[in-house]
């Protein structure tokens, strides 16, 4: 009758064990993905790049209203179609390259793709949609060199500023502009 029932570790022991496992995982992660050590010489080399990127960000913010960009959320079907094919429509060579690639890898899709491009070219937007299209596409175009420049610099503050600009432009998903998730 005096048998003792084994209950396992106490809550305190479980917590301590979990903390130890977390610390081991963190140490393993840091060993596999060390933060780069930035020497003072590298910081001095980055100063002109940082100044240039800050100027690019300031110019973007002076040119494009972040509030107006954030206001673009729900898209009409025509506007969503144009956004989806905007890069193709702006570059005829890209369309030809895509067609050639489809001929090699998915020949049945060539005619469907041509029909989608033709339909996108035929779209006539309502004035408000045309305005929203121009606002977002101009901002998206101006954002490209900013993100390219950021890729040459490691600076958390500038990464946060660029992420804010990317969120303003957003990404299109299911007929809506998503201003929440972006990746640098």
C-alpha atoms as a PDB file:
ATOM      1  CA  UNK A   1       0.000   0.000   0.000  1.00  0.00           C
ATOM      2  CA  UNK A   2       2.943   2.277   0.361  1.00  0.00           C
ATOM      3  CA  UNK A   3       3.680   2.151  -3.327  1.00  0.00           C
ATOM      4  CA  UNK A   4       4.834   5.418  -4.830  1.00  0.00           C
ATOM      5  CA  UNK A   5       3.393   6.344  -8.218  1.00  0.00           C
ATOM      6  CA  UNK A   6       5.946   7.834 -10.618  1.00  0.00           C
ATOM      7  CA  UNK A   7       4.511  11.104 -11.911  1.00  0.00           C
ATOM      8  CA  UNK A   8       7.336  12.242 -14.175  1.00  0.00           C
ATOM      9  CA  UNK A   9       9.171  15.544 -13.926  1.00  0.00           C
ATOM     10  CA  UNK A  10       7.611  18.383 -12.003  1.00  0.00           C
ATOM     11  CA  UNK A  11       6.432  21.498 -13.865  1.00  0.00           C
ATOM     12  CA  UNK A  12       9.582  23.318 -12.723  1.00  0.00           C
ATOM     13  CA  UNK A  13      11.772  20.518 -14.046  1.00  0.00           C
ATOM     14  CA  UNK A  14       9.857  20.525 -17.351  1.00  0.00           C
ATOM     15  CA  UNK A  15      10.332  24.285 -17.654  1.00  0.00           C
ATOM     16  CA  UNK A  16      14.060  23.999 -16.923  1.00  0.00           C
ATOM     17  CA  UNK A  17      14.411  21.177 -19.451  1.00  0.00           C
ATOM     18  CA  UNK A  18      12.522  23.215 -22.087  1.00  0.00           C
ATOM     19  CA  UNK A  19      14.740  26.254 -21.454  1.00  0.00           C
ATOM     20  CA  UNK A  20      17.841  24.077 -21.818  1.00  0.00           C
ATOM     21  CA  UNK A  21      16.542  22.616 -25.117  1.00  0.00           C
ATOM     22  CA  UNK A  22      15.724  26.119 -26.379  1.00  0.00           C
ATOM     23  CA  UNK A  23      19.219  27.326 -25.476  1.00  0.00           C
ATOM     24  CA  UNK A  24      20.757  24.350 -27.289  1.00  0.00           C
ATOM     25  CA  UNK A  25      18.644  25.028 -30.391  1.00  0.00           C
ATOM     26  CA  UNK A  26      19.619  28.693 -30.329  1.00  0.00           C
ATOM     27  CA  UNK A  27      23.316  27.849 -29.948  1.00  0.00           C
ATOM     28  CA  UNK A  28      23.052  25.379 -32.832  1.00  0.00           C
ATOM     29  CA  UNK A  29      21.279  27.942 -35.028  1.00  0.00           C
ATOM     30  CA  UNK A  30      23.835  30.649 -34.253  1.00  0.00           C
ATOM     31  CA  UNK A  31      26.668  28.222 -34.980  1.00  0.00           C
ATOM     32  CA  UNK A  32      25.160  27.405 -38.380  1.00  0.00           C
ATOM     33  CA  UNK A  33      24.058  30.993 -39.172  1.00  0.00           C
ATOM     34  CA  UNK A  34      26.498  33.377 -37.546  1.00  0.00           C
ATOM     35  CA  UNK A  35      25.859  37.089 -37.750  1.00  0.00           C
ATOM     36  CA  UNK A  36      28.471  38.545 -40.036  1.00  0.00           C
ATOM     37  CA  UNK A  37      31.093  40.595 -38.280  1.00  0.00           C
ATOM     38  CA  UNK A  38      31.220  44.010 -39.887  1.00  0.00           C
ATOM     39  CA  UNK A  39      34.607  45.586 -39.538  1.00  0.00           C
ATOM     40  CA  UNK A  40      34.986  49.368 -39.199  1.00  0.00           C
ATOM     41  CA  UNK A  41      36.583  49.396 -42.654  1.00  0.00           C
ATOM     42  CA  UNK A  42      33.468  47.787 -44.143  1.00  0.00           C
ATOM     43  CA  UNK A  43      31.272  50.330 -42.372  1.00  0.00           C
ATOM     44  CA  UNK A  44      33.278  53.157 -43.922  1.00  0.00           C
ATOM     45  CA  UNK A  45      32.924  51.526 -47.350  1.00  0.00           C
ATOM     46  CA  UNK A  46      29.169  51.229 -46.821  1.00  0.00           C
ATOM     47  CA  UNK A  47      28.680  54.873 -45.808  1.00  0.00           C
ATOM     48  CA  UNK A  48      28.314  56.129 -49.424  1.00  0.00           C
ATOM     49  CA  UNK A  49      25.930  53.250 -50.215  1.00  0.00           C
ATOM     50  CA  UNK A  50      23.924  53.988 -47.082  1.00  0.00           C
ATOM     51  CA  UNK A  51      23.712  57.685 -47.952  1.00  0.00           C
ATOM     52  CA  UNK A  52      22.637  56.834 -51.509  1.00  0.00           C
ATOM     53  CA  UNK A  53      19.978  54.403 -50.284  1.00  0.00           C
ATOM     54  CA  UNK A  54      18.665  56.935 -47.759  1.00  0.00           C
ATOM     55  CA  UNK A  55      18.388  59.488 -50.585  1.00  0.00           C
ATOM     56  CA  UNK A  56      16.545  56.944 -52.754  1.00  0.00           C
ATOM     57  CA  UNK A  57      14.106  56.211 -49.922  1.00  0.00           C
ATOM     58  CA  UNK A  58      13.517  59.924 -49.290  1.00  0.00           C
ATOM     59  CA  UNK A  59      12.907  60.483 -53.010  1.00  0.00           C
ATOM     60  CA  UNK A  60      10.431  57.575 -53.105  1.00  0.00           C
ATOM     61  CA  UNK A  61       8.534  58.972 -50.125  1.00  0.00           C
ATOM     62  CA  UNK A  62       8.483  62.469 -51.677  1.00  0.00           C
ATOM     63  CA  UNK A  63       7.214  61.097 -54.996  1.00  0.00           C
ATOM     64  CA  UNK A  64       4.716  58.475 -53.841  1.00  0.00           C
ATOM     65  CA  UNK A  65       2.064  58.883 -51.180  1.00  0.00           C
ATOM     66  CA  UNK A  66       2.318  55.871 -48.880  1.00  0.00           C
ATOM     67  CA  UNK A  67      -1.228  56.550 -47.686  1.00  0.00           C
ATOM     68  CA  UNK A  68      -2.514  56.473 -51.268  1.00  0.00           C
ATOM     69  CA  UNK A  69      -0.674  53.222 -51.918  1.00  0.00           C
ATOM     70  CA  UNK A  70      -2.084  51.659 -48.740  1.00  0.00           C
ATOM     71  CA  UNK A  71      -5.568  52.726 -49.847  1.00  0.00           C
ATOM     72  CA  UNK A  72      -5.307  50.447 -52.890  1.00  0.00           C
ATOM     73  CA  UNK A  73      -6.728  47.198 -51.538  1.00  0.00           C
ATOM     74  CA  UNK A  74      -9.764  45.800 -53.348  1.00  0.00           C
ATOM     75  CA  UNK A  75      -9.250  45.448 -57.098  1.00  0.00           C
ATOM     76  CA  UNK A  76     -11.803  45.231 -59.854  1.00  0.00           C
ATOM     77  CA  UNK A  77     -11.384  42.101 -62.007  1.00  0.00           C
ATOM     78  CA  UNK A  78      -9.975  44.210 -64.865  1.00  0.00           C
ATOM     79  CA  UNK A  79      -7.501  45.966 -62.593  1.00  0.00           C
ATOM     80  CA  UNK A  80      -6.396  42.654 -61.052  1.00  0.00           C
ATOM     81  CA  UNK A  81      -5.833  41.240 -64.554  1.00  0.00           C
ATOM     82  CA  UNK A  82      -3.775  44.237 -65.622  1.00  0.00           C
ATOM     83  CA  UNK A  83      -1.632  44.106 -62.492  1.00  0.00           C
ATOM     84  CA  UNK A  84      -1.061  40.389 -63.083  1.00  0.00           C
ATOM     85  CA  UNK A  85       0.170  40.947 -66.652  1.00  0.00           C
ATOM     86  CA  UNK A  86       1.683  44.443 -66.296  1.00  0.00           C
ATOM     87  CA  UNK A  87       5.304  43.292 -66.479  1.00  0.00           C
ATOM     88  CA  UNK A  88       4.581  41.213 -69.588  1.00  0.00           C
ATOM     89  CA  UNK A  89       2.689  44.039 -71.293  1.00  0.00           C
ATOM     90  CA  UNK A  90       5.502  46.493 -70.598  1.00  0.00           C
ATOM     91  CA  UNK A  91       8.103  44.234 -72.243  1.00  0.00           C
ATOM     92  CA  UNK A  92       7.199  42.628 -75.600  1.00  0.00           C
ATOM     93  CA  UNK A  93      10.466  40.669 -75.543  1.00  0.00           C
ATOM     94  CA  UNK A  94       9.399  39.076 -72.275  1.00  0.00           C
ATOM     95  CA  UNK A  95       6.172  37.906 -73.921  1.00  0.00           C
ATOM     96  CA  UNK A  96       8.153  36.335 -76.776  1.00  0.00           C
ATOM     97  CA  UNK A  97      10.528  34.667 -74.299  1.00  0.00           C
ATOM     98  CA  UNK A  98       7.580  33.304 -72.324  1.00  0.00           C
ATOM     99  CA  UNK A  99       5.966  31.942 -75.484  1.00  0.00           C
ATOM    100  CA  UNK A 100       9.202  30.211 -76.503  1.00  0.00           C
ATOM    101  CA  UNK A 101       9.558  28.711 -73.017  1.00  0.00           C
ATOM    102  CA  UNK A 102       5.952  27.481 -73.089  1.00  0.00           C
ATOM    103  CA  UNK A 103       6.529  25.936 -76.536  1.00  0.00           C
ATOM    104  CA  UNK A 104       9.363  23.874 -75.070  1.00  0.00           C
ATOM    105  CA  UNK A 105       7.908  22.957 -71.686  1.00  0.00           C
ATOM    106  CA  UNK A 106       4.128  23.322 -71.939  1.00  0.00           C
ATOM    107  CA  UNK A 107       3.032  23.633 -75.585  1.00  0.00           C
ATOM    108  CA  UNK A 108      -0.654  23.350 -74.726  1.00  0.00           C
ATOM    109  CA  UNK A 109      -0.458  26.573 -72.729  1.00  0.00           C
ATOM    110  CA  UNK A 110       0.888  28.772 -75.575  1.00  0.00           C
ATOM    111  CA  UNK A 111      -2.527  29.641 -77.008  1.00  0.00           C
ATOM    112  CA  UNK A 112      -4.017  30.165 -73.543  1.00  0.00           C
ATOM    113  CA  UNK A 113      -1.160  32.529 -72.660  1.00  0.00           C
ATOM    114  CA  UNK A 114      -1.555  34.452 -75.934  1.00  0.00           C
ATOM    115  CA  UNK A 115      -5.292  34.785 -75.267  1.00  0.00           C
ATOM    116  CA  UNK A 116      -4.652  36.078 -71.708  1.00  0.00           C
ATOM    117  CA  UNK A 117      -2.184  38.679 -73.002  1.00  0.00           C
ATOM    118  CA  UNK A 118      -4.606  39.727 -75.765  1.00  0.00           C
ATOM    119  CA  UNK A 119      -7.421  40.048 -73.219  1.00  0.00           C
ATOM    120  CA  UNK A 120      -5.215  42.124 -70.909  1.00  0.00           C
ATOM    121  CA  UNK A 121      -4.257  44.422 -73.816  1.00  0.00           C
ATOM    122  CA  UNK A 122      -7.937  44.929 -74.621  1.00  0.00           C
ATOM    123  CA  UNK A 123      -8.881  46.083 -71.128  1.00  0.00           C
ATOM    124  CA  UNK A 124     -10.065  49.643 -70.823  1.00  0.00           C
ATOM    125  CA  UNK A 125     -10.020  50.665 -67.184  1.00  0.00           C
ATOM    126  CA  UNK A 126     -12.517  52.917 -65.487  1.00  0.00           C
ATOM    127  CA  UNK A 127     -10.893  56.287 -64.647  1.00  0.00           C
ATOM    128  CA  UNK A 128     -10.474  55.466 -60.927  1.00  0.00           C
ATOM    129  CA  UNK A 129      -8.929  52.069 -61.730  1.00  0.00           C
ATOM    130  CA  UNK A 130      -6.611  53.679 -64.299  1.00  0.00           C
ATOM    131  CA  UNK A 131      -5.446  56.164 -61.657  1.00  0.00           C
ATOM    132  CA  UNK A 132      -4.862  53.380 -59.103  1.00  0.00           C
ATOM    133  CA  UNK A 133      -2.987  51.345 -61.716  1.00  0.00           C
ATOM    134  CA  UNK A 134      -0.651  54.240 -62.560  1.00  0.00           C
ATOM    135  CA  UNK A 135      -0.014  55.054 -58.875  1.00  0.00           C
ATOM    136  CA  UNK A 136       0.909  51.489 -57.911  1.00  0.00           C
ATOM    137  CA  UNK A 137       2.903  50.650 -61.046  1.00  0.00           C
ATOM    138  CA  UNK A 138       4.994  53.841 -60.801  1.00  0.00           C
ATOM    139  CA  UNK A 139       5.753  53.088 -57.143  1.00  0.00           C
ATOM    140  CA  UNK A 140       6.557  49.438 -57.913  1.00  0.00           C
ATOM    141  CA  UNK A 141       8.943  50.517 -60.677  1.00  0.00           C
ATOM    142  CA  UNK A 142      10.686  53.017 -58.385  1.00  0.00           C
ATOM    143  CA  UNK A 143      10.976  50.429 -55.612  1.00  0.00           C
ATOM    144  CA  UNK A 144      13.046  47.990 -57.704  1.00  0.00           C
ATOM    145  CA  UNK A 145      16.368  49.916 -57.575  1.00  0.00           C
ATOM    146  CA  UNK A 146      15.870  50.596 -53.854  1.00  0.00           C
ATOM    147  CA  UNK A 147      15.577  46.879 -53.082  1.00  0.00           C
ATOM    148  CA  UNK A 148      18.547  46.152 -55.372  1.00  0.00           C
ATOM    149  CA  UNK A 149      20.679  48.708 -53.503  1.00  0.00           C
ATOM    150  CA  UNK A 150      19.524  47.338 -50.138  1.00  0.00           C
ATOM    151  CA  UNK A 151      20.803  43.895 -51.124  1.00  0.00           C
ATOM    152  CA  UNK A 152      24.354  45.305 -51.071  1.00  0.00           C
ATOM    153  CA  UNK A 153      24.059  46.695 -47.530  1.00  0.00           C
ATOM    154  CA  UNK A 154      23.402  45.123 -44.118  1.00  0.00           C
ATOM    155  CA  UNK A 155      21.594  47.749 -42.108  1.00  0.00           C
ATOM    156  CA  UNK A 156      18.560  46.904 -39.954  1.00  0.00           C
ATOM    157  CA  UNK A 157      17.245  50.475 -39.929  1.00  0.00           C
ATOM    158  CA  UNK A 158      17.311  50.709 -43.736  1.00  0.00           C
ATOM    159  CA  UNK A 159      15.812  47.222 -44.036  1.00  0.00           C
ATOM    160  CA  UNK A 160      12.884  48.396 -41.890  1.00  0.00           C
ATOM    161  CA  UNK A 161      12.418  51.515 -44.034  1.00  0.00           C
ATOM    162  CA  UNK A 162      12.483  49.453 -47.224  1.00  0.00           C
ATOM    163  CA  UNK A 163      10.032  46.960 -45.748  1.00  0.00           C
ATOM    164  CA  UNK A 164       7.684  49.878 -45.012  1.00  0.00           C
ATOM    165  CA  UNK A 165       7.899  50.956 -48.682  1.00  0.00           C
ATOM    166  CA  UNK A 166       7.334  47.379 -49.856  1.00  0.00           C
ATOM    167  CA  UNK A 167       4.266  47.097 -47.649  1.00  0.00           C
ATOM    168  CA  UNK A 168       2.896  50.319 -49.117  1.00  0.00           C
ATOM    169  CA  UNK A 169       3.204  48.898 -52.653  1.00  0.00           C
ATOM    170  CA  UNK A 170       2.035  45.479 -51.444  1.00  0.00           C
ATOM    171  CA  UNK A 171       1.591  42.230 -53.321  1.00  0.00           C
ATOM    172  CA  UNK A 172      -1.467  41.044 -55.203  1.00  0.00           C
ATOM    173  CA  UNK A 173      -3.294  37.933 -54.117  1.00  0.00           C
ATOM    174  CA  UNK A 174      -6.855  36.888 -55.010  1.00  0.00           C
ATOM    175  CA  UNK A 175      -7.918  40.278 -56.348  1.00  0.00           C
ATOM    176  CA  UNK A 176      -6.620  42.203 -53.353  1.00  0.00           C
ATOM    177  CA  UNK A 177      -3.434  44.080 -52.568  1.00  0.00           C
ATOM    178  CA  UNK A 178      -1.829  42.587 -49.462  1.00  0.00           C
ATOM    179  CA  UNK A 179       0.024  45.271 -47.503  1.00  0.00           C
ATOM    180  CA  UNK A 180       0.987  42.971 -44.621  1.00  0.00           C
ATOM    181  CA  UNK A 181       3.420  40.319 -45.803  1.00  0.00           C
ATOM    182  CA  UNK A 182       6.588  41.221 -47.649  1.00  0.00           C
ATOM    183  CA  UNK A 183      10.014  39.687 -47.786  1.00  0.00           C
ATOM    184  CA  UNK A 184      13.347  41.341 -48.229  1.00  0.00           C
END
